[in-house]
Amino acid sequence: MNIHSIITNPFYQNVWIVSDETDNSAVLIDPGAEPEKILTFIKNNKLTPFAVLCTHAHPDHISAINAIQKVFPVPCYIHRNDRQTLETSEILGQMLGFGTFDLPNNVHWIDRDQILTFKKMDFHVIHTPGHTPGSVCFLIGDSLISGDTLFAKSVGRVDLPGGSRKMLEVSLKKLSNLPDNLSVYPGHGLQTTMREELRSNPYLMRKTVPA
């Protein structure tokens, strides 16, 4: 399994592409902007996408999905608790300077911690509300795609609509119980490890986040 990174949009958001080198099947996680850049990477690496997964439905994580679906008509998976976040993401996107964009289609709603399987790849869904009500992380082998729940030495903000400091604290405690050998791939910023975050991330260490 390979995990590729593409950095897009003014917020330096990480698009993660998980692929199986045995058959070039791929799953896209959080295509946030610049669909042409993402599609070029897919073409150059001869990948075949089978799904789009979203850690949450903020515009900087979803605005490229519809354009990608026009080329690859794959399903999009979002947690059910982010339905309202998705429905209002165009408004938030305009406020943040994203302009207009079409929402994803063929949306499949995740409603529990479960395993999503695409070809030979298993994605374990971990519901981690706080940044948004439907925020999730995806565990693939010894790798954690953490979205905007956990960053290197920081955590996601909770001051946007639907954010909750108390819920994020519970989610961080949930993540802190995962194996410390995990590699962590966040929604923004540098890759890290769970061991490093347990050692140096003040929000995991004291289990509280700022209001």
N, C-alpha and C. Protein backbone atom coordinates (compact mmCIF):
# COMPACT_ATOMS: atom_id res chain seq x y z
N MET A 1 0.84 -1.19 0.00
CA MET A 1 0.00 0.00 0.00
C MET A 1 0.88 1.25 0.00
N ASN A 2 0.49 2.21 -0.81
CA ASN A 2 1.19 3.49 -0.87
C ASN A 2 0.25 4.61 -0.47
N ILE A 3 0.77 5.62 0.20
CA ILE A 3 0.00 6.81 0.54
C ILE A 3 0.72 8.02 -0.05
N HIS A 4 0.04 8.67 -0.99
CA HIS A 4 0.60 9.82 -1.69
C HIS A 4 -0.06 11.10 -1.17
N SER A 5 0.68 12.19 -1.18
CA SER A 5 0.17 13.48 -0.71
C SER A 5 0.14 14.49 -1.85
N ILE A 6 -0.95 15.22 -1.95
CA ILE A 6 -1.05 16.37 -2.85
C ILE A 6 -1.55 17.54 -2.01
N ILE A 7 -0.82 18.63 -1.99
CA ILE A 7 -1.21 19.80 -1.20
C ILE A 7 -1.97 20.77 -2.10
N THR A 8 -3.17 21.16 -1.66
CA THR A 8 -4.01 22.03 -2.49
C THR A 8 -4.55 23.20 -1.67
N ASN A 9 -5.04 24.16 -2.39
CA ASN A 9 -5.77 25.35 -1.93
C ASN A 9 -4.98 26.24 -0.99
N PRO A 10 -5.47 27.46 -0.74
CA PRO A 10 -4.71 28.41 0.09
C PRO A 10 -4.50 27.95 1.53
N PHE A 11 -5.26 26.93 1.94
CA PHE A 11 -5.12 26.44 3.32
C PHE A 11 -4.12 25.29 3.42
N TYR A 12 -3.42 25.02 2.33
CA TYR A 12 -2.41 23.95 2.31
C TYR A 12 -2.99 22.64 2.85
N GLN A 13 -4.11 22.27 2.27
CA GLN A 13 -4.82 21.06 2.71
C GLN A 13 -4.22 19.84 2.03
N ASN A 14 -4.07 18.77 2.81
CA ASN A 14 -3.50 17.54 2.29
C ASN A 14 -4.57 16.65 1.68
N VAL A 15 -4.43 16.38 0.40
CA VAL A 15 -5.22 15.33 -0.25
C VAL A 15 -4.39 14.05 -0.14
N TRP A 16 -4.97 13.00 0.40
CA TRP A 16 -4.25 11.73 0.52
C TRP A 16 -4.82 10.74 -0.49
N ILE A 17 -3.94 10.11 -1.23
CA ILE A 17 -4.34 9.09 -2.20
C ILE A 17 -3.71 7.77 -1.76
N VAL A 18 -4.56 6.84 -1.37
CA VAL A 18 -4.10 5.53 -0.92
C VAL A 18 -4.24 4.57 -2.09
N SER A 19 -3.17 3.89 -2.44
CA SER A 19 -3.21 3.01 -3.60
C SER A 19 -2.57 1.66 -3.30
N ASP A 20 -3.00 0.67 -4.05
CA ASP A 20 -2.46 -0.68 -3.95
C ASP A 20 -1.55 -0.89 -5.15
N GLU A 21 -0.26 -1.09 -4.90
CA GLU A 21 0.70 -1.20 -5.99
C GLU A 21 0.52 -2.45 -6.83
N THR A 22 -0.25 -3.43 -6.33
CA THR A 22 -0.43 -4.66 -7.10
C THR A 22 -1.40 -4.51 -8.26
N ASP A 23 -2.34 -3.56 -8.15
CA ASP A 23 -3.30 -3.39 -9.24
C ASP A 23 -3.61 -1.92 -9.55
N ASN A 24 -2.92 -0.99 -8.86
CA ASN A 24 -3.09 0.46 -9.06
C ASN A 24 -4.49 0.96 -8.70
N SER A 25 -5.23 0.18 -7.92
CA SER A 25 -6.51 0.69 -7.41
C SER A 25 -6.21 1.78 -6.38
N ALA A 26 -7.12 2.74 -6.25
CA ALA A 26 -6.85 3.88 -5.38
C ALA A 26 -8.12 4.38 -4.73
N VAL A 27 -7.94 5.01 -3.57
CA VAL A 27 -9.01 5.70 -2.86
C VAL A 27 -8.51 7.11 -2.57
N LEU A 28 -9.32 8.09 -2.90
CA LEU A 28 -8.96 9.50 -2.67
C LEU A 28 -9.58 9.95 -1.35
N ILE A 29 -8.80 10.65 -0.55
CA ILE A 29 -9.29 11.15 0.73
C ILE A 29 -9.16 12.67 0.76
N ASP A 30 -10.29 13.35 0.93
CA ASP A 30 -10.36 14.81 1.08
C ASP A 30 -9.83 15.59 -0.12
N PRO A 31 -10.36 15.36 -1.32
CA PRO A 31 -9.96 16.20 -2.47
C PRO A 31 -10.53 17.61 -2.30
N GLY A 32 -9.71 18.52 -1.78
CA GLY A 32 -10.22 19.80 -1.34
C GLY A 32 -10.26 20.91 -2.36
N ALA A 33 -9.44 20.83 -3.40
CA ALA A 33 -9.40 21.88 -4.42
C ALA A 33 -8.49 21.40 -5.55
N GLU A 34 -8.39 22.25 -6.59
CA GLU A 34 -7.49 21.98 -7.71
C GLU A 34 -7.68 20.57 -8.29
N PRO A 35 -8.88 20.27 -8.78
CA PRO A 35 -9.13 18.92 -9.32
C PRO A 35 -8.20 18.55 -10.47
N GLU A 36 -7.80 19.53 -11.29
CA GLU A 36 -6.90 19.22 -12.40
C GLU A 36 -5.57 18.67 -11.90
N LYS A 37 -5.09 19.23 -10.81
CA LYS A 37 -3.83 18.78 -10.21
C LYS A 37 -3.95 17.34 -9.72
N ILE A 38 -5.09 17.03 -9.11
CA ILE A 38 -5.33 15.67 -8.60
C ILE A 38 -5.49 14.69 -9.75
N LEU A 39 -6.26 15.09 -10.76
CA LEU A 39 -6.49 14.21 -11.91
C LEU A 39 -5.20 13.95 -12.69
N THR A 40 -4.34 14.95 -12.77
CA THR A 40 -3.05 14.76 -13.44
C THR A 40 -2.20 13.74 -12.70
N PHE A 41 -2.22 13.81 -11.38
CA PHE A 41 -1.46 12.83 -10.59
C PHE A 41 -2.00 11.42 -10.82
N ILE A 42 -3.32 11.29 -10.83
CA ILE A 42 -3.94 9.99 -11.06
C ILE A 42 -3.53 9.44 -12.43
N LYS A 43 -3.59 10.29 -13.45
CA LYS A 43 -3.25 9.86 -14.81
C LYS A 43 -1.78 9.48 -14.91
N ASN A 44 -0.91 10.33 -14.36
CA ASN A 44 0.52 10.08 -14.48
C ASN A 44 0.95 8.80 -13.77
N ASN A 45 0.21 8.43 -12.72
CA ASN A 45 0.56 7.24 -11.95
C ASN A 45 -0.30 6.03 -12.33
N LYS A 46 -1.14 6.22 -13.38
CA LYS A 46 -1.97 5.13 -13.91
C LYS A 46 -2.83 4.48 -12.83
N LEU A 47 -3.43 5.33 -11.97
CA LEU A 47 -4.26 4.84 -10.89
C LEU A 47 -5.72 4.74 -11.32
N THR A 48 -6.46 3.84 -10.69
CA THR A 48 -7.90 3.69 -10.93
C THR A 48 -8.64 3.94 -9.62
N PRO A 49 -9.25 5.12 -9.46
CA PRO A 49 -9.98 5.39 -8.21
C PRO A 49 -11.24 4.54 -8.09
N PHE A 50 -11.53 4.11 -6.87
CA PHE A 50 -12.74 3.36 -6.59
C PHE A 50 -13.67 4.08 -5.62
N ALA A 51 -13.19 5.11 -4.93
CA ALA A 51 -14.03 5.84 -3.98
C ALA A 51 -13.34 7.11 -3.55
N VAL A 52 -14.16 8.02 -3.04
CA VAL A 52 -13.67 9.21 -2.35
C VAL A 52 -14.15 9.13 -0.92
N LEU A 53 -13.24 9.29 0.04
CA LEU A 53 -13.59 9.32 1.45
C LEU A 53 -13.35 10.72 2.00
N CYS A 54 -14.24 11.17 2.87
CA CYS A 54 -14.12 12.50 3.46
C CYS A 54 -13.98 12.40 4.97
N THR A 55 -12.95 13.04 5.51
CA THR A 55 -12.84 13.09 6.96
C THR A 55 -13.86 14.04 7.56
N HIS A 56 -14.31 15.02 6.77
CA HIS A 56 -15.41 15.90 7.15
C HIS A 56 -15.79 16.71 5.93
N ALA A 57 -16.81 17.55 6.06
CA ALA A 57 -17.40 18.18 4.87
C ALA A 57 -17.15 19.68 4.75
N HIS A 58 -16.08 20.18 5.33
CA HIS A 58 -15.73 21.58 5.10
C HIS A 58 -15.27 21.77 3.66
N PRO A 59 -15.46 22.97 3.11
CA PRO A 59 -15.18 23.18 1.68
C PRO A 59 -13.74 22.91 1.28
N ASP A 60 -12.78 23.16 2.17
CA ASP A 60 -11.39 22.93 1.80
C ASP A 60 -11.04 21.45 1.75
N HIS A 61 -12.02 20.58 2.06
CA HIS A 61 -11.80 19.14 1.97
C HIS A 61 -12.70 18.44 0.94
N ILE A 62 -13.64 19.19 0.34
CA ILE A 62 -14.59 18.53 -0.57
C ILE A 62 -14.78 19.22 -1.91
N SER A 63 -14.26 20.43 -2.10
CA SER A 63 -14.70 21.23 -3.25
C SER A 63 -14.25 20.68 -4.60
N ALA A 64 -13.29 19.75 -4.62
CA ALA A 64 -12.85 19.17 -5.90
C ALA A 64 -13.56 17.86 -6.24
N ILE A 65 -14.39 17.36 -5.33
CA ILE A 65 -14.94 16.01 -5.52
C ILE A 65 -15.84 15.93 -6.75
N ASN A 66 -16.75 16.87 -6.91
CA ASN A 66 -17.69 16.81 -8.02
C ASN A 66 -16.97 16.79 -9.36
N ALA A 67 -15.95 17.63 -9.50
CA ALA A 67 -15.19 17.67 -10.76
C ALA A 67 -14.48 16.34 -11.01
N ILE A 68 -13.97 15.72 -9.97
CA ILE A 68 -13.32 14.42 -10.11
C ILE A 68 -14.35 13.36 -10.49
N GLN A 69 -15.54 13.43 -9.89
CA GLN A 69 -16.59 12.45 -10.20
C GLN A 69 -17.06 12.54 -11.64
N LYS A 70 -16.88 13.68 -12.28
CA LYS A 70 -17.25 13.79 -13.69
C LYS A 70 -16.31 12.97 -14.58
N VAL A 71 -15.12 12.73 -14.10
CA VAL A 71 -14.14 11.91 -14.83
C VAL A 71 -14.18 10.47 -14.35
N PHE A 72 -14.26 10.31 -13.03
CA PHE A 72 -14.34 8.98 -12.41
C PHE A 72 -15.62 8.96 -11.56
N PRO A 73 -16.70 8.36 -12.04
CA PRO A 73 -17.99 8.39 -11.32
C PRO A 73 -18.00 7.44 -10.12
N VAL A 74 -17.22 7.79 -9.12
CA VAL A 74 -17.07 6.93 -7.94
C VAL A 74 -17.94 7.47 -6.80
N PRO A 75 -18.31 6.61 -5.85
CA PRO A 75 -19.09 7.07 -4.70
C PRO A 75 -18.25 7.91 -3.75
N CYS A 76 -18.94 8.76 -2.99
CA CYS A 76 -18.30 9.61 -2.00
C CYS A 76 -18.87 9.26 -0.63
N TYR A 77 -18.00 9.04 0.34
CA TYR A 77 -18.42 8.61 1.68
C TYR A 77 -18.18 9.74 2.69
N ILE A 78 -19.27 10.14 3.38
CA ILE A 78 -19.23 11.19 4.39
C ILE A 78 -20.06 10.72 5.58
N HIS A 79 -19.64 11.07 6.78
CA HIS A 79 -20.42 10.67 7.94
C HIS A 79 -21.76 11.39 7.97
N ARG A 80 -22.78 10.66 8.34
CA ARG A 80 -24.14 11.18 8.37
C ARG A 80 -24.27 12.46 9.20
N ASN A 81 -23.50 12.57 10.27
CA ASN A 81 -23.61 13.74 11.15
C ASN A 81 -23.05 15.01 10.52
N ASP A 82 -22.43 14.88 9.37
CA ASP A 82 -21.94 16.07 8.64
C ASP A 82 -22.85 16.45 7.48
N ARG A 83 -24.07 15.95 7.49
CA ARG A 83 -25.00 16.31 6.41
C ARG A 83 -25.22 17.82 6.34
N GLN A 84 -25.46 18.44 7.49
CA GLN A 84 -25.68 19.89 7.49
C GLN A 84 -24.39 20.63 7.14
N THR A 85 -23.26 20.14 7.60
CA THR A 85 -21.98 20.74 7.24
C THR A 85 -21.81 20.73 5.73
N LEU A 86 -22.17 19.62 5.10
CA LEU A 86 -22.08 19.53 3.64
C LEU A 86 -23.04 20.50 2.97
N GLU A 87 -24.26 20.55 3.46
CA GLU A 87 -25.28 21.39 2.83
C GLU A 87 -24.95 22.88 2.91
N THR A 88 -24.16 23.28 3.91
CA THR A 88 -23.81 24.70 4.08
C THR A 88 -22.37 24.98 3.64
N SER A 89 -21.70 24.00 3.08
CA SER A 89 -20.28 24.19 2.76
C SER A 89 -20.07 25.20 1.63
N GLU A 90 -21.04 25.31 0.72
CA GLU A 90 -20.89 26.31 -0.35
C GLU A 90 -20.88 27.72 0.22
N ILE A 91 -21.74 27.97 1.20
CA ILE A 91 -21.78 29.30 1.83
C ILE A 91 -20.47 29.58 2.55
N LEU A 92 -20.01 28.59 3.34
CA LEU A 92 -18.74 28.76 4.05
C LEU A 92 -17.60 28.93 3.06
N GLY A 93 -17.66 28.19 1.96
CA GLY A 93 -16.62 28.28 0.95
C GLY A 93 -16.52 29.67 0.34
N GLN A 94 -17.66 30.30 0.10
CA GLN A 94 -17.66 31.65 -0.44
C GLN A 94 -17.08 32.63 0.57
N MET A 95 -17.38 32.42 1.85
CA MET A 95 -16.82 33.28 2.90
C MET A 95 -15.31 33.13 2.98
N LEU A 96 -14.81 31.92 2.69
CA LEU A 96 -13.37 31.65 2.79
C LEU A 96 -12.63 31.88 1.48
N GLY A 97 -13.37 32.34 0.44
CA GLY A 97 -12.73 32.68 -0.82
C GLY A 97 -12.61 31.55 -1.82
N PHE A 98 -13.42 30.49 -1.66
CA PHE A 98 -13.36 29.37 -2.59
C PHE A 98 -14.18 29.61 -3.86
N GLY A 99 -15.02 30.64 -3.86
CA GLY A 99 -15.89 30.84 -5.00
C GLY A 99 -16.99 29.79 -5.02
N THR A 100 -17.54 29.55 -6.19
CA THR A 100 -18.62 28.57 -6.30
C THR A 100 -18.06 27.20 -6.69
N PHE A 101 -18.71 26.16 -6.21
CA PHE A 101 -18.35 24.80 -6.60
C PHE A 101 -19.58 23.92 -6.39
N ASP A 102 -19.62 22.83 -7.11
CA ASP A 102 -20.73 21.89 -7.00
C ASP A 102 -20.45 20.88 -5.89
N LEU A 103 -21.51 20.53 -5.16
CA LEU A 103 -21.36 19.55 -4.09
C LEU A 103 -21.16 18.15 -4.67
N PRO A 104 -20.58 17.25 -3.91
CA PRO A 104 -20.41 15.87 -4.38
C PRO A 104 -21.75 15.23 -4.68
N ASN A 105 -21.75 14.28 -5.60
CA ASN A 105 -22.95 13.48 -5.83
C ASN A 105 -22.65 12.03 -5.45
N ASN A 106 -23.65 11.19 -5.57
CA ASN A 106 -23.51 9.78 -5.20
C ASN A 106 -22.90 9.64 -3.80
N VAL A 107 -23.48 10.40 -2.85
CA VAL A 107 -22.96 10.39 -1.47
C VAL A 107 -23.51 9.18 -0.72
N HIS A 108 -22.61 8.44 -0.08
CA HIS A 108 -22.98 7.33 0.80
C HIS A 108 -22.72 7.79 2.24
N TRP A 109 -23.74 7.70 3.07
CA TRP A 109 -23.62 8.22 4.43
C TRP A 109 -23.09 7.16 5.38
N ILE A 110 -21.98 7.47 6.03
CA ILE A 110 -21.44 6.60 7.07
C ILE A 110 -22.24 6.85 8.35
N ASP A 111 -22.66 5.79 9.02
CA ASP A 111 -23.49 6.00 10.21
C ASP A 111 -22.94 5.32 11.46
N ARG A 112 -21.74 4.76 11.39
CA ARG A 112 -21.17 4.09 12.56
C ARG A 112 -19.69 3.82 12.29
N ASP A 113 -18.96 3.44 13.35
CA ASP A 113 -17.61 2.95 13.15
C ASP A 113 -17.71 1.61 12.42
N GLN A 114 -17.10 1.53 11.27
CA GLN A 114 -17.25 0.36 10.43
C GLN A 114 -16.02 0.20 9.56
N ILE A 115 -15.99 -0.86 8.77
CA ILE A 115 -14.90 -1.09 7.83
C ILE A 115 -15.42 -0.90 6.42
N LEU A 116 -14.77 -0.02 5.66
CA LEU A 116 -15.08 0.18 4.25
C LEU A 116 -13.99 -0.51 3.44
N THR A 117 -14.40 -1.40 2.55
CA THR A 117 -13.44 -2.18 1.77
C THR A 117 -13.56 -1.83 0.29
N PHE A 118 -12.42 -1.52 -0.31
CA PHE A 118 -12.35 -1.23 -1.74
C PHE A 118 -11.21 -2.06 -2.31
N LYS A 119 -11.57 -3.00 -3.19
CA LYS A 119 -10.59 -3.96 -3.70
C LYS A 119 -9.93 -4.67 -2.50
N LYS A 120 -8.61 -4.53 -2.35
CA LYS A 120 -7.90 -5.21 -1.26
C LYS A 120 -7.64 -4.29 -0.06
N MET A 121 -8.20 -3.08 -0.08
CA MET A 121 -7.88 -2.10 0.96
C MET A 121 -9.04 -1.94 1.95
N ASP A 122 -8.73 -2.07 3.23
CA ASP A 122 -9.72 -1.92 4.30
C ASP A 122 -9.48 -0.61 5.04
N PHE A 123 -10.54 0.19 5.15
CA PHE A 123 -10.48 1.46 5.85
C PHE A 123 -11.39 1.37 7.08
N HIS A 124 -10.80 1.41 8.26
CA HIS A 124 -11.56 1.37 9.50
C HIS A 124 -12.00 2.80 9.85
N VAL A 125 -13.30 3.02 9.92
CA VAL A 125 -13.84 4.34 10.23
C VAL A 125 -13.85 4.54 11.74
N ILE A 126 -13.29 5.67 12.19
CA ILE A 126 -13.33 6.05 13.61
C ILE A 126 -14.02 7.41 13.70
N HIS A 127 -15.22 7.45 14.28
CA HIS A 127 -15.95 8.70 14.41
C HIS A 127 -15.27 9.56 15.47
N THR A 128 -14.84 10.76 15.06
CA THR A 128 -14.12 11.66 15.97
C THR A 128 -14.72 13.06 15.92
N PRO A 129 -15.95 13.25 16.40
CA PRO A 129 -16.58 14.57 16.34
C PRO A 129 -15.83 15.59 17.19
N GLY A 130 -16.03 16.84 16.84
CA GLY A 130 -15.39 17.94 17.56
C GLY A 130 -15.09 19.08 16.62
N HIS A 131 -14.26 18.83 15.61
CA HIS A 131 -14.03 19.83 14.57
C HIS A 131 -15.33 20.07 13.81
N THR A 132 -16.01 19.01 13.47
CA THR A 132 -17.39 19.02 12.96
C THR A 132 -18.11 17.84 13.60
N PRO A 133 -19.45 17.83 13.56
CA PRO A 133 -20.17 16.71 14.17
C PRO A 133 -19.89 15.36 13.53
N GLY A 134 -19.55 15.37 12.23
CA GLY A 134 -19.33 14.12 11.53
C GLY A 134 -17.88 13.85 11.17
N SER A 135 -16.97 14.50 11.86
CA SER A 135 -15.56 14.25 11.57
C SER A 135 -15.21 12.79 11.85
N VAL A 136 -14.39 12.22 10.99
CA VAL A 136 -13.93 10.84 11.17
C VAL A 136 -12.43 10.78 10.87
N CYS A 137 -11.81 9.71 11.38
CA CYS A 137 -10.46 9.34 10.97
C CYS A 137 -10.55 7.98 10.28
N PHE A 138 -9.59 7.70 9.44
CA PHE A 138 -9.55 6.41 8.74
C PHE A 138 -8.26 5.69 9.11
N LEU A 139 -8.41 4.48 9.62
CA LEU A 139 -7.27 3.64 9.98
C LEU A 139 -7.06 2.60 8.89
N ILE A 140 -5.88 2.63 8.27
CA ILE A 140 -5.52 1.68 7.22
C ILE A 140 -4.21 1.02 7.63
N GLY A 141 -4.28 -0.21 8.06
CA GLY A 141 -3.07 -0.87 8.54
C GLY A 141 -2.48 -0.12 9.71
N ASP A 142 -1.22 0.31 9.57
CA ASP A 142 -0.58 1.06 10.64
C ASP A 142 -0.51 2.56 10.32
N SER A 143 -1.49 3.02 9.53
CA SER A 143 -1.56 4.43 9.15
C SER A 143 -2.91 5.02 9.54
N LEU A 144 -2.90 6.23 10.07
CA LEU A 144 -4.13 6.92 10.47
C LEU A 144 -4.26 8.21 9.68
N ILE A 145 -5.34 8.31 8.89
CA ILE A 145 -5.68 9.57 8.22
C ILE A 145 -6.55 10.35 9.21
N SER A 146 -6.01 11.43 9.76
CA SER A 146 -6.66 12.07 10.91
C SER A 146 -7.48 13.31 10.58
N GLY A 147 -7.51 13.72 9.31
CA GLY A 147 -8.31 14.89 8.94
C GLY A 147 -7.94 16.10 9.76
N ASP A 148 -8.96 16.85 10.20
CA ASP A 148 -8.71 18.04 11.02
C ASP A 148 -8.97 17.78 12.49
N THR A 149 -8.95 16.50 12.88
CA THR A 149 -9.06 16.16 14.30
C THR A 149 -7.72 16.29 14.99
N LEU A 150 -6.68 15.75 14.38
CA LEU A 150 -5.35 15.73 14.99
C LEU A 150 -4.31 16.19 13.99
N PHE A 151 -3.50 17.18 14.40
CA PHE A 151 -2.38 17.67 13.61
C PHE A 151 -1.08 17.37 14.35
N ALA A 152 0.03 17.61 13.68
CA ALA A 152 1.32 17.52 14.35
C ALA A 152 1.40 18.62 15.40
N LYS A 153 1.41 18.23 16.67
CA LYS A 153 1.52 19.12 17.82
C LYS A 153 0.35 20.09 17.95
N SER A 154 -0.79 19.77 17.32
CA SER A 154 -1.96 20.62 17.45
C SER A 154 -3.21 19.81 17.14
N VAL A 155 -4.36 20.50 17.14
CA VAL A 155 -5.64 19.87 16.84
C VAL A 155 -6.48 20.82 16.00
N GLY A 156 -7.60 20.33 15.50
CA GLY A 156 -8.47 21.16 14.68
C GLY A 156 -9.22 22.20 15.49
N ARG A 157 -9.62 23.27 14.82
CA ARG A 157 -10.36 24.34 15.48
C ARG A 157 -11.79 23.89 15.78
N VAL A 158 -12.41 24.53 16.75
CA VAL A 158 -13.76 24.16 17.15
C VAL A 158 -14.71 25.36 17.14
N ASP A 159 -14.27 26.46 16.51
CA ASP A 159 -15.07 27.69 16.55
C ASP A 159 -15.92 27.90 15.31
N LEU A 160 -15.95 26.94 14.39
CA LEU A 160 -16.85 27.02 13.24
C LEU A 160 -18.16 26.33 13.58
N PRO A 161 -19.23 26.59 12.81
CA PRO A 161 -20.53 25.97 13.12
C PRO A 161 -20.42 24.45 13.24
N GLY A 162 -20.98 23.93 14.32
CA GLY A 162 -20.95 22.49 14.56
C GLY A 162 -19.76 22.03 15.37
N GLY A 163 -18.78 22.92 15.61
CA GLY A 163 -17.61 22.55 16.38
C GLY A 163 -17.94 22.41 17.86
N SER A 164 -17.22 21.55 18.55
CA SER A 164 -17.46 21.32 19.98
C SER A 164 -16.16 20.96 20.67
N ARG A 165 -15.75 21.79 21.62
CA ARG A 165 -14.53 21.53 22.36
C ARG A 165 -14.66 20.24 23.17
N LYS A 166 -15.80 20.05 23.84
CA LYS A 166 -15.97 18.86 24.67
C LYS A 166 -15.95 17.59 23.84
N MET A 167 -16.61 17.63 22.67
CA MET A 167 -16.62 16.44 21.81
C MET A 167 -15.22 16.15 21.28
N LEU A 168 -14.46 17.19 20.97
CA LEU A 168 -13.10 16.97 20.47
C LEU A 168 -12.23 16.35 21.56
N GLU A 169 -12.41 16.77 22.80
CA GLU A 169 -11.64 16.18 23.90
C GLU A 169 -11.92 14.68 24.00
N VAL A 170 -13.18 14.28 23.86
CA VAL A 170 -13.53 12.86 23.90
C VAL A 170 -12.89 12.12 22.72
N SER A 171 -12.91 12.75 21.56
CA SER A 171 -12.32 12.12 20.37
C SER A 171 -10.81 11.96 20.51
N LEU A 172 -10.15 12.95 21.09
CA LEU A 172 -8.71 12.86 21.27
C LEU A 172 -8.35 11.75 22.26
N LYS A 173 -9.16 11.59 23.26
CA LYS A 173 -8.94 10.48 24.20
C LYS A 173 -9.08 9.14 23.47
N LYS A 174 -10.06 9.07 22.58
CA LYS A 174 -10.27 7.86 21.79
C LYS A 174 -9.03 7.56 20.94
N LEU A 175 -8.48 8.60 20.30
CA LEU A 175 -7.30 8.40 19.47
C LEU A 175 -6.07 8.05 20.31
N SER A 176 -5.99 8.59 21.51
CA SER A 176 -4.82 8.34 22.36
C SER A 176 -4.72 6.88 22.79
N ASN A 177 -5.82 6.15 22.66
CA ASN A 177 -5.82 4.74 23.01
C ASN A 177 -5.42 3.83 21.85
N LEU A 178 -5.18 4.42 20.68
CA LEU A 178 -4.73 3.63 19.53
C LEU A 178 -3.25 3.26 19.70
N PRO A 179 -2.77 2.26 18.98
CA PRO A 179 -1.36 1.88 19.08
C PRO A 179 -0.44 3.06 18.78
N ASP A 180 0.64 3.17 19.54
CA ASP A 180 1.51 4.34 19.37
C ASP A 180 2.48 4.20 18.20
N ASN A 181 2.43 3.08 17.49
CA ASN A 181 3.30 2.92 16.32
C ASN A 181 2.66 3.41 15.03
N LEU A 182 1.49 4.02 15.13
CA LEU A 182 0.79 4.47 13.93
C LEU A 182 1.48 5.68 13.31
N SER A 183 1.56 5.70 11.99
CA SER A 183 1.90 6.92 11.26
C SER A 183 0.62 7.74 11.12
N VAL A 184 0.71 9.06 11.28
CA VAL A 184 -0.47 9.93 11.26
C VAL A 184 -0.36 10.88 10.07
N TYR A 185 -1.41 10.90 9.26
CA TYR A 185 -1.47 11.75 8.08
C TYR A 185 -2.60 12.76 8.26
N PRO A 186 -2.29 13.99 8.67
CA PRO A 186 -3.33 14.97 9.01
C PRO A 186 -3.87 15.72 7.80
N GLY A 187 -4.95 16.46 8.03
CA GLY A 187 -5.58 17.23 6.97
C GLY A 187 -4.78 18.44 6.54
N HIS A 188 -3.92 18.93 7.42
CA HIS A 188 -3.05 20.07 7.13
C HIS A 188 -1.72 19.83 7.83
N GLY A 189 -0.65 20.32 7.24
CA GLY A 189 0.64 20.23 7.90
C GLY A 189 1.36 18.92 7.67
N LEU A 190 2.37 18.68 8.50
CA LEU A 190 3.29 17.58 8.29
C LEU A 190 2.78 16.26 8.83
N GLN A 191 3.24 15.19 8.20
CA GLN A 191 3.00 13.85 8.71
C GLN A 191 3.68 13.70 10.07
N THR A 192 3.09 12.89 10.94
CA THR A 192 3.67 12.66 12.26
C THR A 192 3.42 11.21 12.67
N THR A 193 3.62 10.91 13.93
CA THR A 193 3.33 9.58 14.45
C THR A 193 2.52 9.71 15.73
N MET A 194 1.78 8.68 16.07
CA MET A 194 1.02 8.72 17.30
C MET A 194 1.96 8.77 18.50
N ARG A 195 3.08 8.07 18.41
CA ARG A 195 4.05 8.11 19.51
C ARG A 195 4.54 9.53 19.77
N GLU A 196 4.85 10.25 18.69
CA GLU A 196 5.33 11.62 18.83
C GLU A 196 4.24 12.53 19.40
N GLU A 197 3.01 12.35 18.96
CA GLU A 197 1.93 13.21 19.45
C GLU A 197 1.61 12.93 20.92
N LEU A 198 1.66 11.68 21.32
CA LEU A 198 1.45 11.35 22.73
C LEU A 198 2.56 11.94 23.59
N ARG A 199 3.73 12.09 23.00
CA ARG A 199 4.86 12.64 23.75
C ARG A 199 4.86 14.16 23.80
N SER A 200 4.46 14.81 22.68
CA SER A 200 4.71 16.25 22.58
C SER A 200 3.50 17.11 22.26
N ASN A 201 2.37 16.50 21.87
CA ASN A 201 1.19 17.31 21.54
C ASN A 201 0.48 17.71 22.84
N PRO A 202 0.44 19.00 23.16
CA PRO A 202 -0.13 19.40 24.46
C PRO A 202 -1.60 19.04 24.61
N TYR A 203 -2.33 18.93 23.52
CA TYR A 203 -3.76 18.63 23.61
C TYR A 203 -4.00 17.15 23.88
N LEU A 204 -3.11 16.30 23.39
CA LEU A 204 -3.22 14.89 23.75
C LEU A 204 -2.68 14.65 25.15
N MET A 205 -1.67 15.39 25.54
CA MET A 205 -1.04 15.18 26.85
C MET A 205 -1.96 15.58 27.98
N ARG A 206 -2.65 16.73 27.81
CA ARG A 206 -3.52 17.17 28.89
C ARG A 206 -4.99 16.91 28.61
N LYS A 207 -5.29 16.36 27.37
CA LYS A 207 -6.63 15.96 27.00
C LYS A 207 -7.65 17.11 27.02
N THR A 208 -7.16 18.36 26.82
CA THR A 208 -8.07 19.49 26.73
C THR A 208 -7.71 20.30 25.50
N VAL A 209 -8.68 21.03 24.98
CA VAL A 209 -8.44 21.88 23.82
C VAL A 209 -8.97 23.27 24.12
N PRO A 210 -8.44 24.30 23.46
CA PRO A 210 -8.89 25.66 23.72
C PRO A 210 -10.30 25.89 23.23
N ALA A 211 -11.03 26.77 23.87
CA ALA A 211 -12.40 27.10 23.47
C ALA A 211 -12.38 27.90 22.19
